N, C-alpha and C. Protein backbone atom coordinates (compact mmCIF):
# COMPACT_ATOMS: atom_id res chain seq x y z
N MET A 1 48.63 4.96 117.44
CA MET A 1 47.16 5.28 117.06
C MET A 1 47.19 5.25 115.52
N GLN A 2 48.07 5.83 114.82
CA GLN A 2 48.06 5.79 113.29
C GLN A 2 48.07 4.52 112.76
N ARG A 3 48.91 3.62 113.30
CA ARG A 3 49.04 2.23 112.80
C ARG A 3 47.75 1.47 113.03
N ARG A 4 47.09 1.72 114.08
CA ARG A 4 45.89 0.99 114.43
C ARG A 4 44.77 1.47 113.49
N SER A 5 44.79 2.71 113.11
CA SER A 5 43.75 3.21 112.21
C SER A 5 43.97 2.65 110.80
N ARG A 6 45.27 2.56 110.40
CA ARG A 6 45.55 2.01 109.15
C ARG A 6 45.16 0.59 109.03
N THR A 7 45.37 -0.18 110.10
CA THR A 7 44.98 -1.65 110.09
C THR A 7 43.46 -1.78 110.04
N ALA A 8 42.78 -0.91 110.82
CA ALA A 8 41.28 -0.88 110.73
C ALA A 8 40.86 -0.54 109.35
N ALA A 9 41.49 0.44 108.74
CA ALA A 9 41.10 0.80 107.34
C ALA A 9 41.33 -0.39 106.28
N ARG A 10 42.43 -1.12 106.54
CA ARG A 10 42.61 -2.34 105.71
C ARG A 10 41.59 -3.37 105.97
N ASP A 11 41.20 -3.54 107.18
CA ASP A 11 40.13 -4.57 107.44
C ASP A 11 38.82 -4.18 106.75
N VAL A 12 38.49 -2.89 106.86
CA VAL A 12 37.18 -2.51 106.25
C VAL A 12 37.26 -2.62 104.70
N ILE A 13 38.40 -2.35 104.13
CA ILE A 13 38.44 -2.59 102.67
C ILE A 13 38.38 -4.03 102.29
N ARG A 14 39.00 -4.87 103.13
CA ARG A 14 39.03 -6.36 102.90
C ARG A 14 37.58 -6.84 102.99
N GLN A 15 36.85 -6.41 103.98
CA GLN A 15 35.50 -6.78 104.26
C GLN A 15 34.60 -6.30 103.09
N ILE A 16 34.73 -5.15 102.61
CA ILE A 16 34.01 -4.62 101.39
C ILE A 16 34.33 -5.57 100.21
N GLU A 17 35.53 -5.80 99.97
CA GLU A 17 35.98 -6.69 98.80
C GLU A 17 35.47 -8.13 98.97
N GLU A 18 35.28 -8.55 100.22
CA GLU A 18 34.79 -9.91 100.35
C GLU A 18 33.29 -10.07 100.06
N ILE A 19 32.66 -8.99 100.02
CA ILE A 19 31.15 -9.06 99.58
C ILE A 19 31.11 -8.82 98.07
N GLY A 20 32.28 -8.69 97.46
CA GLY A 20 32.18 -8.55 95.94
C GLY A 20 32.22 -7.18 95.41
N ILE A 21 32.71 -6.15 96.16
CA ILE A 21 32.69 -4.89 95.84
C ILE A 21 34.12 -4.28 95.79
N GLN A 22 34.60 -3.65 94.84
CA GLN A 22 35.89 -3.01 94.94
C GLN A 22 35.81 -1.48 95.10
N VAL A 23 36.67 -0.96 95.95
CA VAL A 23 36.67 0.49 96.20
C VAL A 23 37.76 1.02 95.47
N ILE A 24 37.51 2.14 94.57
CA ILE A 24 38.67 2.66 93.70
C ILE A 24 38.79 4.11 94.00
N PRO A 25 40.01 4.53 94.54
CA PRO A 25 40.11 5.92 94.91
C PRO A 25 40.24 6.82 93.69
N ARG A 26 39.73 7.94 93.89
CA ARG A 26 39.88 9.14 93.00
C ARG A 26 39.94 10.46 93.65
N GLY A 27 41.20 10.82 93.97
CA GLY A 27 41.39 12.09 94.72
C GLY A 27 40.99 11.94 96.10
N ASP A 28 40.17 12.83 96.60
CA ASP A 28 39.62 12.68 97.97
C ASP A 28 38.44 11.88 98.07
N ALA A 29 37.91 11.33 96.89
CA ALA A 29 36.64 10.53 96.87
C ALA A 29 37.07 9.12 96.39
N ALA A 30 36.08 8.24 96.32
CA ALA A 30 36.23 7.00 95.68
C ALA A 30 34.93 6.55 95.13
N TYR A 31 35.01 5.63 94.18
CA TYR A 31 33.83 4.95 93.73
C TYR A 31 33.86 3.46 93.96
N ILE A 32 32.70 2.81 93.77
CA ILE A 32 32.64 1.36 94.03
C ILE A 32 32.37 0.70 92.61
N GLN A 33 32.84 -0.54 92.51
CA GLN A 33 32.66 -1.27 91.29
C GLN A 33 32.35 -2.76 91.65
N GLY A 34 31.40 -3.32 90.95
CA GLY A 34 31.02 -4.72 91.19
C GLY A 34 29.62 -4.91 91.25
N PRO A 35 29.14 -6.13 91.29
CA PRO A 35 27.74 -6.39 91.38
C PRO A 35 27.08 -5.87 92.72
N LEU A 36 26.07 -5.05 92.64
CA LEU A 36 25.49 -4.56 93.82
C LEU A 36 23.99 -4.92 93.90
N GLY A 37 23.79 -6.24 94.46
CA GLY A 37 22.42 -6.66 94.62
C GLY A 37 21.97 -6.29 95.97
N PRO A 38 20.78 -6.80 96.44
CA PRO A 38 20.25 -6.33 97.66
C PRO A 38 21.06 -6.82 98.81
N ASP A 39 21.69 -8.05 98.76
CA ASP A 39 22.49 -8.55 99.88
C ASP A 39 23.68 -7.69 100.02
N GLN A 40 24.37 -7.51 98.90
CA GLN A 40 25.67 -6.68 98.97
C GLN A 40 25.37 -5.28 99.42
N ALA A 41 24.24 -4.64 98.99
CA ALA A 41 23.89 -3.31 99.43
C ALA A 41 23.76 -3.26 100.93
N GLU A 42 23.10 -4.25 101.43
CA GLU A 42 22.80 -4.32 102.84
C GLU A 42 24.13 -4.46 103.67
N GLN A 43 25.00 -5.29 103.05
CA GLN A 43 26.32 -5.48 103.83
C GLN A 43 27.20 -4.18 103.67
N LEU A 44 27.10 -3.55 102.55
CA LEU A 44 27.91 -2.36 102.38
C LEU A 44 27.29 -1.30 103.29
N VAL A 45 26.05 -1.09 103.42
CA VAL A 45 25.46 -0.09 104.26
C VAL A 45 25.93 -0.42 105.75
N ALA A 46 26.07 -1.65 106.16
CA ALA A 46 26.44 -1.89 107.49
C ALA A 46 27.95 -1.59 107.71
N LEU A 47 28.77 -1.57 106.58
CA LEU A 47 30.11 -1.30 106.77
C LEU A 47 30.50 0.16 106.61
N LEU A 48 29.55 1.02 106.14
CA LEU A 48 29.79 2.42 105.94
C LEU A 48 30.24 3.22 107.07
N PRO A 49 29.65 3.01 108.30
CA PRO A 49 30.14 3.76 109.44
C PRO A 49 31.66 3.47 109.70
N LYS A 50 32.06 2.14 109.68
CA LYS A 50 33.52 1.96 109.84
C LYS A 50 34.35 2.64 108.79
N LEU A 51 33.84 2.63 107.58
CA LEU A 51 34.61 3.20 106.39
C LEU A 51 34.76 4.74 106.61
N ARG A 52 33.59 5.32 107.07
CA ARG A 52 33.54 6.78 107.29
C ARG A 52 34.61 7.16 108.41
N GLU A 53 34.60 6.36 109.40
CA GLU A 53 35.46 6.50 110.56
C GLU A 53 36.96 6.51 110.13
N HIS A 54 37.32 5.61 109.25
CA HIS A 54 38.76 5.46 108.88
C HIS A 54 38.96 5.96 107.48
N TRP A 55 38.20 6.98 106.97
CA TRP A 55 38.18 7.31 105.57
C TRP A 55 39.53 7.74 104.97
N GLN A 56 40.29 8.70 105.72
CA GLN A 56 41.50 9.03 105.25
C GLN A 56 42.55 8.08 105.17
N GLU A 57 42.60 7.15 106.26
CA GLU A 57 43.46 6.11 106.14
C GLU A 57 43.12 5.05 105.05
N ALA A 58 41.81 4.83 104.80
CA ALA A 58 41.43 3.93 103.78
C ALA A 58 41.82 4.49 102.41
N LEU A 59 41.75 5.82 102.13
CA LEU A 59 42.17 6.36 100.88
C LEU A 59 43.70 6.21 100.82
N ALA A 60 44.48 6.39 101.82
CA ALA A 60 45.92 6.18 101.90
C ALA A 60 46.23 4.72 101.44
N VAL A 61 45.53 3.78 102.09
CA VAL A 61 45.75 2.31 101.78
C VAL A 61 45.46 2.13 100.38
N LEU A 62 44.32 2.60 99.85
CA LEU A 62 43.92 2.26 98.49
C LEU A 62 44.84 2.96 97.50
N SER A 63 45.33 4.18 97.80
CA SER A 63 46.25 4.84 96.85
C SER A 63 47.59 4.22 96.83
N SER A 64 47.98 3.59 97.87
CA SER A 64 49.36 2.95 97.96
C SER A 64 49.43 1.69 97.16
N ARG A 65 48.31 1.11 96.81
CA ARG A 65 48.41 -0.13 96.02
C ARG A 65 49.02 0.10 94.71
N ASP A 66 49.93 -0.81 94.27
CA ASP A 66 50.43 -0.69 92.94
C ASP A 66 49.38 -1.25 91.94
N GLU A 67 49.72 -1.25 90.61
CA GLU A 67 48.81 -1.64 89.63
C GLU A 67 48.44 -3.09 89.70
N PHE A 68 49.41 -3.94 90.21
CA PHE A 68 49.24 -5.40 90.27
C PHE A 68 48.31 -5.70 91.31
N GLU A 69 48.46 -5.08 92.52
CA GLU A 69 47.48 -5.31 93.60
C GLU A 69 46.13 -4.81 93.23
N ALA A 70 46.02 -3.74 92.62
CA ALA A 70 44.67 -3.25 92.10
C ALA A 70 44.06 -4.18 91.08
N ALA A 71 44.85 -4.71 90.20
CA ALA A 71 44.23 -5.70 89.19
C ALA A 71 43.88 -6.98 89.90
N ALA A 72 44.68 -7.49 90.86
CA ALA A 72 44.32 -8.65 91.57
C ALA A 72 42.96 -8.50 92.35
N ALA A 73 42.80 -7.31 92.89
CA ALA A 73 41.66 -7.04 93.76
C ALA A 73 40.35 -7.00 92.68
N THR A 74 40.63 -6.41 91.58
CA THR A 74 39.57 -6.36 90.62
C THR A 74 39.18 -7.75 90.17
N MET A 75 40.17 -8.60 89.81
CA MET A 75 39.87 -10.02 89.40
C MET A 75 39.10 -10.78 90.45
N ARG A 76 39.57 -10.59 91.72
CA ARG A 76 38.79 -11.21 92.85
C ARG A 76 37.32 -10.88 92.94
N VAL A 77 37.08 -9.64 92.72
CA VAL A 77 35.68 -9.10 92.65
C VAL A 77 34.85 -9.65 91.53
N PHE A 78 35.36 -9.64 90.32
CA PHE A 78 34.63 -10.09 89.17
C PHE A 78 34.61 -11.55 88.99
N THR A 79 35.47 -12.39 89.59
CA THR A 79 35.43 -13.90 89.46
C THR A 79 34.74 -14.40 90.66
N GLY A 80 34.35 -13.57 91.61
CA GLY A 80 33.61 -14.19 92.78
C GLY A 80 34.54 -14.67 93.87
N ARG A 81 35.88 -14.72 93.68
CA ARG A 81 36.76 -15.28 94.64
C ARG A 81 37.02 -14.12 95.66
N THR A 82 36.78 -14.34 96.90
CA THR A 82 36.99 -13.32 97.88
C THR A 82 38.30 -13.35 98.59
N GLU A 83 38.93 -14.53 98.66
CA GLU A 83 40.17 -14.72 99.19
C GLU A 83 41.17 -15.24 98.19
N GLN A 84 42.41 -15.02 98.22
CA GLN A 84 43.39 -15.57 97.23
C GLN A 84 43.34 -17.10 97.57
N GLY A 85 43.18 -17.86 96.38
CA GLY A 85 43.23 -19.33 96.57
C GLY A 85 41.85 -19.85 96.99
N SER A 86 40.92 -19.03 97.33
CA SER A 86 39.61 -19.67 97.82
C SER A 86 38.78 -20.13 96.53
N LYS A 87 37.90 -21.03 96.69
CA LYS A 87 37.16 -21.67 95.66
C LYS A 87 35.75 -20.98 95.59
N ASN A 88 35.19 -21.09 94.44
CA ASN A 88 33.83 -20.51 94.17
C ASN A 88 32.91 -21.53 94.94
N PRO A 89 32.16 -21.09 95.99
CA PRO A 89 31.24 -21.95 96.72
C PRO A 89 30.18 -22.73 95.80
N ALA A 90 29.80 -22.13 94.81
CA ALA A 90 28.78 -22.78 93.86
C ALA A 90 29.42 -23.87 93.17
N ALA A 91 30.63 -23.62 92.69
CA ALA A 91 31.29 -24.80 92.07
C ALA A 91 31.65 -25.93 92.91
N VAL A 92 32.05 -25.67 94.19
CA VAL A 92 32.25 -26.74 95.16
C VAL A 92 30.95 -27.52 95.52
N ALA A 93 29.81 -26.83 95.58
CA ALA A 93 28.57 -27.51 95.85
C ALA A 93 28.25 -28.43 94.69
N LEU A 94 28.33 -27.98 93.50
CA LEU A 94 28.08 -28.74 92.27
C LEU A 94 29.03 -30.06 92.23
N GLY A 95 30.28 -29.80 92.61
CA GLY A 95 31.16 -31.01 92.66
C GLY A 95 30.75 -32.05 93.69
N LYS A 96 30.29 -31.63 94.79
CA LYS A 96 29.90 -32.44 95.86
C LYS A 96 28.60 -33.25 95.44
N LEU A 97 27.76 -32.61 94.61
CA LEU A 97 26.56 -33.32 94.15
C LEU A 97 26.77 -34.53 93.36
N GLY A 98 27.68 -34.47 92.35
CA GLY A 98 27.74 -35.55 91.54
C GLY A 98 29.26 -36.03 91.20
N GLY A 99 30.17 -35.06 91.22
CA GLY A 99 31.60 -35.39 90.85
C GLY A 99 32.09 -36.45 91.69
N SER A 100 31.97 -36.39 92.97
CA SER A 100 32.58 -37.48 93.83
C SER A 100 31.94 -38.83 93.62
N LYS A 101 30.81 -38.85 93.13
CA LYS A 101 30.09 -40.21 93.02
C LYS A 101 30.31 -40.81 91.66
N GLY A 102 30.52 -39.95 90.57
CA GLY A 102 30.48 -40.36 89.22
C GLY A 102 31.35 -41.65 88.84
N GLY A 103 32.49 -41.62 89.31
CA GLY A 103 33.47 -42.63 88.80
C GLY A 103 32.94 -44.07 89.50
N LYS A 104 32.67 -44.03 90.70
CA LYS A 104 32.18 -45.29 91.42
C LYS A 104 30.91 -45.81 90.79
N ILE A 105 29.92 -44.95 90.44
CA ILE A 105 28.72 -45.40 89.77
C ILE A 105 28.96 -45.91 88.40
N ARG A 106 29.88 -45.20 87.67
CA ARG A 106 30.27 -45.71 86.31
C ARG A 106 30.88 -47.17 86.41
N ALA A 107 31.77 -47.18 87.30
CA ALA A 107 32.48 -48.51 87.41
C ALA A 107 31.46 -49.66 87.75
N LYS A 108 30.48 -49.43 88.55
CA LYS A 108 29.50 -50.47 88.82
C LYS A 108 28.68 -50.78 87.56
N ARG A 109 28.37 -49.81 86.79
CA ARG A 109 27.51 -50.01 85.67
C ARG A 109 28.36 -50.81 84.49
N LEU A 110 29.56 -50.69 84.50
CA LEU A 110 30.29 -51.34 83.37
C LEU A 110 30.55 -52.79 83.67
N SER A 111 30.56 -53.60 82.61
CA SER A 111 30.80 -55.08 82.79
C SER A 111 32.34 -55.18 82.88
N LYS A 112 32.71 -56.31 83.40
CA LYS A 112 34.04 -56.69 83.74
C LYS A 112 34.77 -56.53 82.35
N LYS A 113 34.20 -57.07 81.25
CA LYS A 113 34.86 -57.06 79.94
C LYS A 113 35.25 -55.59 79.43
N ARG A 114 34.30 -54.73 79.61
CA ARG A 114 34.42 -53.39 79.31
C ARG A 114 35.49 -52.67 80.08
N ARG A 115 35.55 -52.88 81.37
CA ARG A 115 36.45 -52.31 82.26
C ARG A 115 37.91 -52.69 81.91
N VAL A 116 38.05 -54.02 81.53
CA VAL A 116 39.33 -54.48 81.00
C VAL A 116 39.77 -53.75 79.78
N GLU A 117 38.79 -53.68 78.84
CA GLU A 117 39.07 -52.91 77.56
C GLU A 117 39.53 -51.46 77.85
N ILE A 118 38.89 -50.77 78.75
CA ILE A 118 39.25 -49.43 79.10
C ILE A 118 40.51 -49.34 79.63
N GLY A 119 40.86 -50.31 80.57
CA GLY A 119 42.24 -50.39 81.28
C GLY A 119 43.33 -50.54 80.17
N LYS A 120 43.04 -51.54 79.21
CA LYS A 120 44.11 -51.69 78.17
C LYS A 120 44.30 -50.50 77.28
N LEU A 121 43.20 -49.76 76.92
CA LEU A 121 43.34 -48.55 76.22
C LEU A 121 44.19 -47.51 76.97
N ALA A 122 43.80 -47.38 78.31
CA ALA A 122 44.59 -46.47 79.21
C ALA A 122 46.04 -46.74 79.19
N ALA A 123 46.37 -48.07 79.41
CA ALA A 123 47.77 -48.43 79.45
C ALA A 123 48.58 -48.26 78.22
N LYS A 124 47.76 -48.45 76.99
CA LYS A 124 48.39 -48.17 75.74
C LYS A 124 48.65 -46.74 75.57
N ALA A 125 47.74 -45.87 75.88
CA ALA A 125 47.92 -44.48 75.81
C ALA A 125 49.00 -43.95 76.68
N ARG A 126 49.10 -44.53 77.81
CA ARG A 126 50.06 -44.03 78.87
C ARG A 126 51.52 -44.49 78.42
N TRP A 127 51.73 -45.80 78.04
CA TRP A 127 53.09 -46.33 77.89
C TRP A 127 53.18 -46.77 76.44
N GLY A 128 52.33 -46.73 75.59
CA GLY A 128 52.40 -47.12 74.20
C GLY A 128 53.33 -46.24 73.36
N LYS A 129 53.46 -45.00 73.73
CA LYS A 129 54.25 -44.02 72.92
C LYS A 129 55.74 -44.07 73.10
N LYS A 130 56.23 -44.84 74.15
CA LYS A 130 57.66 -44.85 74.43
C LYS A 130 58.34 -45.89 73.50
């Protein structure tokens, strides 16, 4: 039963950190850190009953983190990355808007002569130093 409660506490903490809020333990209490807009507040309020149910286990989990785990959690909150290795959704959307099209459109707009010039410059830059 104890192991299941600790796993549930870890899940609640992970869910809270996924919405961009970090829970920092201080004795028998804790405080939150991060941007708290209307959406985050609503999600946090929805998670509070679970957190209250597993409060002691959650404090134990949070207190057992070393300084590197705590620092990593803080950076994920402040950079907007909710998972390790995940990408910022806004940046991905911007990349899909124009980044994937840019090279093809530029190549169509350039004359053959200019493309050859660019190719020669690139080859010289790549192999000219040897």
